[in-house]
Amino acid sequence: MNGSGVDDLLSVLFDAVPEGPALFPEEMLTDFPRKLAIGDVIREKYFKVLHDELPHDLAVRVGEIVENGDEWTIYADVLVNRPTQKGIVIGDKGRLLRKVKREATQDLEQMFECKIKLELWIKVEKNWAKNHWILKQLGYV
């Protein structure tokens, strides 16, 4: 396969299917829930520094977003399965936690175009991945 004819195929397909009504308002960029997007950014920062150390044992639950004009305060819990993992996620003297907060804050400020204050708490929730209620709060169910 070399990709020849793809443009012709696309043209035929777009001509055959009528354009439907818009599903979302034009100013709406995504229908992905804001809390899930914020949790994904924070979790990504942890994965970036922890690599394979806690691949599936870490989740982020965004509890509340307080909007005060162009400044948001975001309260979120970082969930781990075991108490020993809590120290890993916090890091030596809290350095890892501060690094994650700093990097996530920068990304979130760019994403939402406002000032962000990020409040993270590390919580041990044994077997959170098997708890239906927690999975629902995380947006996985």
N, C-alpha and C. Protein backbone atom coordinates (compact mmCIF):
# COMPACT_ATOMS: atom_id res chain seq x y z
N MET A 1 0.84 -1.18 0.00
CA MET A 1 0.00 0.00 0.00
C MET A 1 0.89 1.24 0.00
N ASN A 2 0.53 2.17 -0.85
CA ASN A 2 1.31 3.40 -0.94
C ASN A 2 0.47 4.64 -0.71
N GLY A 3 -0.81 4.46 -0.45
CA GLY A 3 -1.68 5.60 -0.16
C GLY A 3 -2.27 6.25 -1.39
N SER A 4 -2.02 5.70 -2.55
CA SER A 4 -2.59 6.31 -3.75
C SER A 4 -4.10 6.09 -3.77
N GLY A 5 -4.83 7.11 -4.18
CA GLY A 5 -6.28 7.02 -4.27
C GLY A 5 -7.01 7.41 -3.00
N VAL A 6 -6.29 7.69 -1.92
CA VAL A 6 -6.94 8.04 -0.66
C VAL A 6 -7.72 9.34 -0.81
N ASP A 7 -7.14 10.33 -1.45
CA ASP A 7 -7.84 11.61 -1.63
C ASP A 7 -9.12 11.43 -2.42
N ASP A 8 -9.06 10.61 -3.47
CA ASP A 8 -10.26 10.35 -4.28
C ASP A 8 -11.33 9.64 -3.45
N LEU A 9 -10.91 8.67 -2.65
CA LEU A 9 -11.84 7.94 -1.80
C LEU A 9 -12.52 8.88 -0.80
N LEU A 10 -11.73 9.73 -0.15
CA LEU A 10 -12.29 10.69 0.81
C LEU A 10 -13.30 11.62 0.14
N SER A 11 -12.98 12.06 -1.05
CA SER A 11 -13.88 12.95 -1.78
C SER A 11 -15.21 12.26 -2.06
N VAL A 12 -15.17 11.02 -2.50
CA VAL A 12 -16.39 10.26 -2.79
C VAL A 12 -17.21 10.06 -1.51
N LEU A 13 -16.53 9.70 -0.44
CA LEU A 13 -17.23 9.47 0.83
C LEU A 13 -17.89 10.74 1.35
N PHE A 14 -17.17 11.86 1.33
CA PHE A 14 -17.76 13.11 1.83
C PHE A 14 -18.90 13.59 0.95
N ASP A 15 -18.83 13.33 -0.35
CA ASP A 15 -19.93 13.71 -1.24
C ASP A 15 -21.16 12.85 -1.00
N ALA A 16 -20.96 11.59 -0.58
CA ALA A 16 -22.07 10.66 -0.40
C ALA A 16 -22.82 10.87 0.91
N VAL A 17 -22.18 11.45 1.90
CA VAL A 17 -22.80 11.61 3.21
C VAL A 17 -23.17 13.08 3.43
N PRO A 18 -24.44 13.36 3.67
CA PRO A 18 -24.84 14.77 3.89
C PRO A 18 -24.33 15.28 5.24
N GLU A 19 -24.07 16.56 5.30
CA GLU A 19 -23.63 17.18 6.54
C GLU A 19 -24.82 17.30 7.48
N GLY A 20 -24.63 16.89 8.71
CA GLY A 20 -25.70 16.94 9.70
C GLY A 20 -25.59 18.19 10.55
N PRO A 21 -26.53 18.33 11.48
CA PRO A 21 -26.48 19.49 12.38
C PRO A 21 -25.30 19.37 13.34
N ALA A 22 -24.83 20.50 13.83
CA ALA A 22 -23.74 20.52 14.81
C ALA A 22 -24.21 19.84 16.09
N LEU A 23 -23.36 19.01 16.67
CA LEU A 23 -23.71 18.29 17.89
C LEU A 23 -23.44 19.11 19.15
N PHE A 24 -22.56 20.12 19.03
CA PHE A 24 -22.18 20.95 20.17
C PHE A 24 -22.14 22.40 19.72
N PRO A 25 -22.27 23.34 20.65
CA PRO A 25 -22.11 24.75 20.29
C PRO A 25 -20.71 24.99 19.72
N GLU A 26 -20.59 25.94 18.82
CA GLU A 26 -19.32 26.20 18.14
C GLU A 26 -18.18 26.56 19.10
N GLU A 27 -18.50 27.27 20.19
CA GLU A 27 -17.45 27.68 21.14
C GLU A 27 -17.01 26.56 22.06
N MET A 28 -17.72 25.44 22.08
CA MET A 28 -17.38 24.31 22.94
C MET A 28 -16.27 23.48 22.28
N LEU A 29 -15.11 23.40 22.95
CA LEU A 29 -13.97 22.71 22.37
C LEU A 29 -14.06 21.19 22.51
N THR A 30 -14.67 20.71 23.59
CA THR A 30 -14.73 19.27 23.83
C THR A 30 -15.91 18.94 24.73
N ASP A 31 -16.36 17.70 24.67
CA ASP A 31 -17.40 17.25 25.59
C ASP A 31 -16.81 16.40 26.71
N PHE A 32 -15.47 16.30 26.73
CA PHE A 32 -14.76 15.55 27.76
C PHE A 32 -14.89 16.31 29.08
N PRO A 33 -15.37 15.68 30.16
CA PRO A 33 -15.57 16.39 31.42
C PRO A 33 -14.28 17.04 31.94
N ARG A 34 -14.44 18.26 32.41
CA ARG A 34 -13.29 19.07 32.86
C ARG A 34 -12.53 18.39 33.99
N LYS A 35 -13.23 17.80 34.96
CA LYS A 35 -12.55 17.14 36.08
C LYS A 35 -11.69 15.97 35.60
N LEU A 36 -12.18 15.22 34.62
CA LEU A 36 -11.39 14.10 34.10
C LEU A 36 -10.16 14.60 33.37
N ALA A 37 -10.30 15.69 32.63
CA ALA A 37 -9.15 16.26 31.92
C ALA A 37 -8.09 16.72 32.91
N ILE A 38 -8.51 17.36 33.98
CA ILE A 38 -7.57 17.84 35.01
C ILE A 38 -6.88 16.64 35.66
N GLY A 39 -7.64 15.62 36.02
CA GLY A 39 -7.07 14.42 36.62
C GLY A 39 -6.06 13.76 35.70
N ASP A 40 -6.35 13.73 34.40
CA ASP A 40 -5.43 13.14 33.43
C ASP A 40 -4.10 13.90 33.37
N VAL A 41 -4.17 15.22 33.45
CA VAL A 41 -2.94 16.03 33.41
C VAL A 41 -2.07 15.71 34.63
N ILE A 42 -2.68 15.66 35.80
CA ILE A 42 -1.93 15.39 37.03
C ILE A 42 -1.33 13.98 36.98
N ARG A 43 -2.14 13.02 36.57
CA ARG A 43 -1.67 11.63 36.49
C ARG A 43 -0.53 11.50 35.48
N GLU A 44 -0.63 12.20 34.37
CA GLU A 44 0.43 12.18 33.36
C GLU A 44 1.76 12.65 33.94
N LYS A 45 1.71 13.68 34.77
CA LYS A 45 2.95 14.21 35.37
C LYS A 45 3.59 13.17 36.28
N TYR A 46 2.77 12.43 37.02
CA TYR A 46 3.32 11.36 37.85
C TYR A 46 3.92 10.26 37.00
N PHE A 47 3.23 9.88 35.94
CA PHE A 47 3.75 8.81 35.07
C PHE A 47 5.06 9.22 34.42
N LYS A 48 5.18 10.49 34.12
CA LYS A 48 6.39 11.00 33.48
C LYS A 48 7.63 10.81 34.38
N VAL A 49 7.45 10.97 35.68
CA VAL A 49 8.60 10.85 36.59
C VAL A 49 8.71 9.48 37.25
N LEU A 50 7.61 8.76 37.41
CA LEU A 50 7.66 7.46 38.08
C LEU A 50 7.87 6.29 37.12
N HIS A 51 7.62 6.51 35.85
CA HIS A 51 7.77 5.47 34.81
C HIS A 51 6.99 4.21 35.19
N ASP A 52 7.67 3.09 35.40
CA ASP A 52 6.99 1.83 35.68
C ASP A 52 6.81 1.56 37.17
N GLU A 53 7.22 2.50 38.03
CA GLU A 53 7.19 2.24 39.47
C GLU A 53 5.75 2.05 40.00
N LEU A 54 4.82 2.85 39.53
CA LEU A 54 3.41 2.73 39.95
C LEU A 54 2.51 2.79 38.71
N PRO A 55 2.63 1.87 37.79
CA PRO A 55 1.92 2.03 36.52
C PRO A 55 0.40 2.09 36.61
N HIS A 56 -0.22 1.22 37.41
CA HIS A 56 -1.68 1.21 37.46
C HIS A 56 -2.21 1.39 38.87
N ASP A 57 -1.35 1.66 39.81
CA ASP A 57 -1.77 1.81 41.20
C ASP A 57 -2.06 3.26 41.58
N LEU A 58 -2.04 4.16 40.64
CA LEU A 58 -2.20 5.58 40.93
C LEU A 58 -3.39 6.13 40.14
N ALA A 59 -4.24 6.86 40.85
CA ALA A 59 -5.37 7.52 40.20
C ALA A 59 -5.52 8.92 40.79
N VAL A 60 -6.17 9.80 40.05
CA VAL A 60 -6.40 11.16 40.53
C VAL A 60 -7.89 11.44 40.50
N ARG A 61 -8.41 11.83 41.66
CA ARG A 61 -9.83 12.15 41.81
C ARG A 61 -9.95 13.65 42.09
N VAL A 62 -10.49 14.38 41.14
CA VAL A 62 -10.68 15.82 41.31
C VAL A 62 -12.00 16.02 42.05
N GLY A 63 -11.91 16.59 43.23
CA GLY A 63 -13.10 16.76 44.06
C GLY A 63 -13.87 18.02 43.78
N GLU A 64 -13.18 19.14 43.72
CA GLU A 64 -13.87 20.42 43.59
C GLU A 64 -13.01 21.39 42.80
N ILE A 65 -13.68 22.23 42.02
CA ILE A 65 -13.03 23.32 41.30
C ILE A 65 -13.75 24.60 41.74
N VAL A 66 -13.02 25.46 42.41
CA VAL A 66 -13.60 26.72 42.86
C VAL A 66 -13.13 27.81 41.92
N GLU A 67 -14.07 28.39 41.18
CA GLU A 67 -13.76 29.45 40.22
C GLU A 67 -14.01 30.80 40.87
N ASN A 68 -12.96 31.62 40.90
CA ASN A 68 -13.06 32.97 41.44
C ASN A 68 -12.53 33.92 40.37
N GLY A 69 -13.40 34.31 39.47
CA GLY A 69 -12.97 35.15 38.35
C GLY A 69 -12.05 34.36 37.43
N ASP A 70 -10.86 34.92 37.21
CA ASP A 70 -9.90 34.25 36.32
C ASP A 70 -8.89 33.42 37.12
N GLU A 71 -9.26 33.04 38.34
CA GLU A 71 -8.40 32.19 39.16
C GLU A 71 -9.21 31.00 39.67
N TRP A 72 -8.67 29.81 39.45
CA TRP A 72 -9.33 28.58 39.91
C TRP A 72 -8.49 27.92 40.99
N THR A 73 -9.15 27.38 42.00
CA THR A 73 -8.50 26.51 42.97
C THR A 73 -9.06 25.12 42.75
N ILE A 74 -8.17 24.18 42.49
CA ILE A 74 -8.56 22.80 42.20
C ILE A 74 -8.11 21.92 43.35
N TYR A 75 -9.06 21.18 43.92
CA TYR A 75 -8.79 20.26 45.02
C TYR A 75 -8.85 18.84 44.47
N ALA A 76 -7.77 18.09 44.62
CA ALA A 76 -7.72 16.74 44.07
C ALA A 76 -7.00 15.79 45.01
N ASP A 77 -7.41 14.52 44.96
CA ASP A 77 -6.77 13.45 45.72
C ASP A 77 -5.99 12.57 44.75
N VAL A 78 -4.78 12.24 45.14
CA VAL A 78 -3.99 11.25 44.41
C VAL A 78 -4.14 9.95 45.19
N LEU A 79 -4.74 8.94 44.56
CA LEU A 79 -5.03 7.68 45.24
C LEU A 79 -3.96 6.64 44.94
N VAL A 80 -3.52 5.96 46.00
CA VAL A 80 -2.61 4.82 45.87
C VAL A 80 -3.19 3.66 46.66
N ASN A 81 -2.70 2.45 46.41
CA ASN A 81 -3.24 1.25 47.05
C ASN A 81 -2.66 0.97 48.43
N ARG A 82 -1.38 1.27 48.63
CA ARG A 82 -0.70 0.87 49.87
C ARG A 82 0.02 2.06 50.51
N PRO A 83 0.14 2.03 51.83
CA PRO A 83 0.85 3.11 52.53
C PRO A 83 2.28 3.31 52.03
N THR A 84 2.96 2.23 51.63
CA THR A 84 4.34 2.38 51.14
C THR A 84 4.39 3.20 49.85
N GLN A 85 3.31 3.18 49.07
CA GLN A 85 3.27 3.94 47.83
C GLN A 85 3.10 5.43 48.08
N LYS A 86 2.54 5.76 49.21
CA LYS A 86 2.32 7.17 49.54
C LYS A 86 3.64 7.93 49.58
N GLY A 87 4.65 7.33 50.20
CA GLY A 87 5.96 7.96 50.26
C GLY A 87 6.59 8.13 48.90
N ILE A 88 6.37 7.17 48.02
CA ILE A 88 6.91 7.25 46.66
C ILE A 88 6.29 8.44 45.93
N VAL A 89 4.99 8.60 46.07
CA VAL A 89 4.26 9.65 45.36
C VAL A 89 4.59 11.04 45.91
N ILE A 90 4.87 11.12 47.21
CA ILE A 90 5.25 12.40 47.80
C ILE A 90 6.71 12.72 47.48
N GLY A 91 7.57 11.71 47.51
CA GLY A 91 8.98 11.93 47.23
C GLY A 91 9.74 12.41 48.44
N ASP A 92 11.05 12.40 48.33
CA ASP A 92 11.92 12.83 49.41
C ASP A 92 11.66 14.29 49.76
N LYS A 93 11.25 14.55 50.99
CA LYS A 93 10.94 15.89 51.49
C LYS A 93 9.88 16.61 50.65
N GLY A 94 9.01 15.84 50.00
CA GLY A 94 7.92 16.42 49.22
C GLY A 94 8.32 16.95 47.85
N ARG A 95 9.56 16.64 47.43
CA ARG A 95 10.05 17.20 46.17
C ARG A 95 9.26 16.72 44.96
N LEU A 96 8.91 15.44 44.93
CA LEU A 96 8.17 14.91 43.79
C LEU A 96 6.78 15.52 43.71
N LEU A 97 6.12 15.62 44.84
CA LEU A 97 4.79 16.24 44.88
C LEU A 97 4.85 17.68 44.38
N ARG A 98 5.83 18.45 44.83
CA ARG A 98 5.97 19.84 44.39
C ARG A 98 6.24 19.93 42.89
N LYS A 99 7.08 19.01 42.39
CA LYS A 99 7.39 19.00 40.95
C LYS A 99 6.13 18.71 40.13
N VAL A 100 5.36 17.72 40.54
CA VAL A 100 4.13 17.37 39.84
C VAL A 100 3.15 18.54 39.88
N LYS A 101 2.99 19.16 41.05
CA LYS A 101 2.08 20.30 41.17
C LYS A 101 2.51 21.44 40.26
N ARG A 102 3.79 21.73 40.23
CA ARG A 102 4.33 22.83 39.41
C ARG A 102 4.08 22.56 37.92
N GLU A 103 4.42 21.35 37.46
CA GLU A 103 4.26 21.03 36.05
C GLU A 103 2.79 20.93 35.64
N ALA A 104 1.97 20.33 36.49
CA ALA A 104 0.55 20.22 36.19
C ALA A 104 -0.10 21.60 36.17
N THR A 105 0.28 22.46 37.10
CA THR A 105 -0.26 23.82 37.15
C THR A 105 0.05 24.57 35.86
N GLN A 106 1.27 24.45 35.37
CA GLN A 106 1.65 25.12 34.12
C GLN A 106 0.78 24.65 32.96
N ASP A 107 0.62 23.33 32.84
CA ASP A 107 -0.20 22.78 31.75
C ASP A 107 -1.66 23.20 31.88
N LEU A 108 -2.19 23.15 33.10
CA LEU A 108 -3.59 23.51 33.31
C LEU A 108 -3.84 24.99 33.04
N GLU A 109 -2.89 25.85 33.40
CA GLU A 109 -3.05 27.28 33.12
C GLU A 109 -3.08 27.54 31.62
N GLN A 110 -2.27 26.81 30.87
CA GLN A 110 -2.31 26.94 29.41
C GLN A 110 -3.63 26.39 28.86
N MET A 111 -4.06 25.26 29.38
CA MET A 111 -5.26 24.60 28.89
C MET A 111 -6.51 25.44 29.12
N PHE A 112 -6.64 26.01 30.31
CA PHE A 112 -7.86 26.73 30.67
C PHE A 112 -7.71 28.25 30.63
N GLU A 113 -6.52 28.73 30.32
CA GLU A 113 -6.24 30.16 30.18
C GLU A 113 -6.67 30.97 31.39
N CYS A 114 -6.29 30.48 32.57
CA CYS A 114 -6.54 31.21 33.80
C CYS A 114 -5.50 30.78 34.83
N LYS A 115 -5.43 31.51 35.92
CA LYS A 115 -4.50 31.20 37.01
C LYS A 115 -5.05 29.99 37.77
N ILE A 116 -4.16 29.04 38.06
CA ILE A 116 -4.57 27.81 38.74
C ILE A 116 -3.81 27.66 40.05
N LYS A 117 -4.55 27.34 41.11
CA LYS A 117 -3.94 26.94 42.38
C LYS A 117 -4.35 25.49 42.59
N LEU A 118 -3.36 24.61 42.64
CA LEU A 118 -3.62 23.18 42.72
C LEU A 118 -3.34 22.67 44.13
N GLU A 119 -4.36 22.08 44.75
CA GLU A 119 -4.23 21.50 46.08
C GLU A 119 -4.34 19.99 45.95
N LEU A 120 -3.24 19.27 46.22
CA LEU A 120 -3.22 17.81 46.09
C LEU A 120 -3.05 17.16 47.45
N TRP A 121 -3.82 16.11 47.70
CA TRP A 121 -3.67 15.29 48.88
C TRP A 121 -3.42 13.86 48.42
N ILE A 122 -2.47 13.20 49.06
CA ILE A 122 -2.17 11.81 48.74
C ILE A 122 -2.96 10.94 49.72
N LYS A 123 -3.77 10.03 49.19
CA LYS A 123 -4.62 9.20 50.04
C LYS A 123 -4.44 7.73 49.68
N VAL A 124 -4.41 6.91 50.72
CA VAL A 124 -4.34 5.46 50.53
C VAL A 124 -5.76 4.93 50.47
N GLU A 125 -6.13 4.34 49.36
CA GLU A 125 -7.44 3.70 49.17
C GLU A 125 -7.17 2.28 48.71
N LYS A 126 -7.12 1.36 49.68
CA LYS A 126 -6.80 -0.02 49.37
C LYS A 126 -7.75 -0.58 48.29
N ASN A 127 -7.16 -1.15 47.27
CA ASN A 127 -7.91 -1.76 46.16
C ASN A 127 -8.90 -0.79 45.51
N TRP A 128 -8.51 0.47 45.32
CA TRP A 128 -9.40 1.44 44.71
C TRP A 128 -9.87 0.98 43.33
N ALA A 129 -9.04 0.23 42.62
CA ALA A 129 -9.39 -0.20 41.27
C ALA A 129 -10.51 -1.24 41.26
N LYS A 130 -10.84 -1.80 42.42
CA LYS A 130 -11.93 -2.79 42.51
C LYS A 130 -13.16 -2.20 43.19
N ASN A 131 -13.09 -0.95 43.57
CA ASN A 131 -14.18 -0.29 44.28
C ASN A 131 -15.05 0.47 43.26
N HIS A 132 -16.27 -0.02 43.05
CA HIS A 132 -17.16 0.56 42.03
C HIS A 132 -17.41 2.05 42.29
N TRP A 133 -17.63 2.43 43.55
CA TRP A 133 -17.92 3.82 43.89
C TRP A 133 -16.74 4.73 43.52
N ILE A 134 -15.53 4.31 43.85
CA ILE A 134 -14.35 5.12 43.51
C ILE A 134 -14.16 5.17 42.00
N LEU A 135 -14.34 4.06 41.32
CA LEU A 135 -14.22 4.04 39.86
C LEU A 135 -15.23 4.98 39.21
N LYS A 136 -16.41 5.06 39.79
CA LYS A 136 -17.43 5.98 39.28
C LYS A 136 -17.00 7.43 39.50
N GLN A 137 -16.43 7.74 40.67
CA GLN A 137 -15.94 9.10 40.95
C GLN A 137 -14.82 9.47 40.01
N LEU A 138 -14.02 8.50 39.63
CA LEU A 138 -12.89 8.75 38.73
C LEU A 138 -13.33 8.88 37.26
N GLY A 139 -14.57 8.52 36.99
CA GLY A 139 -15.07 8.60 35.62
C GLY A 139 -14.78 7.37 34.79
N TYR A 140 -14.38 6.28 35.44
CA TYR A 140 -14.04 5.05 34.72
C TYR A 140 -15.27 4.15 34.50
N VAL A 141 -16.35 4.42 35.24
CA VAL A 141 -17.56 3.61 35.11
C VAL A 141 -18.70 4.52 34.69
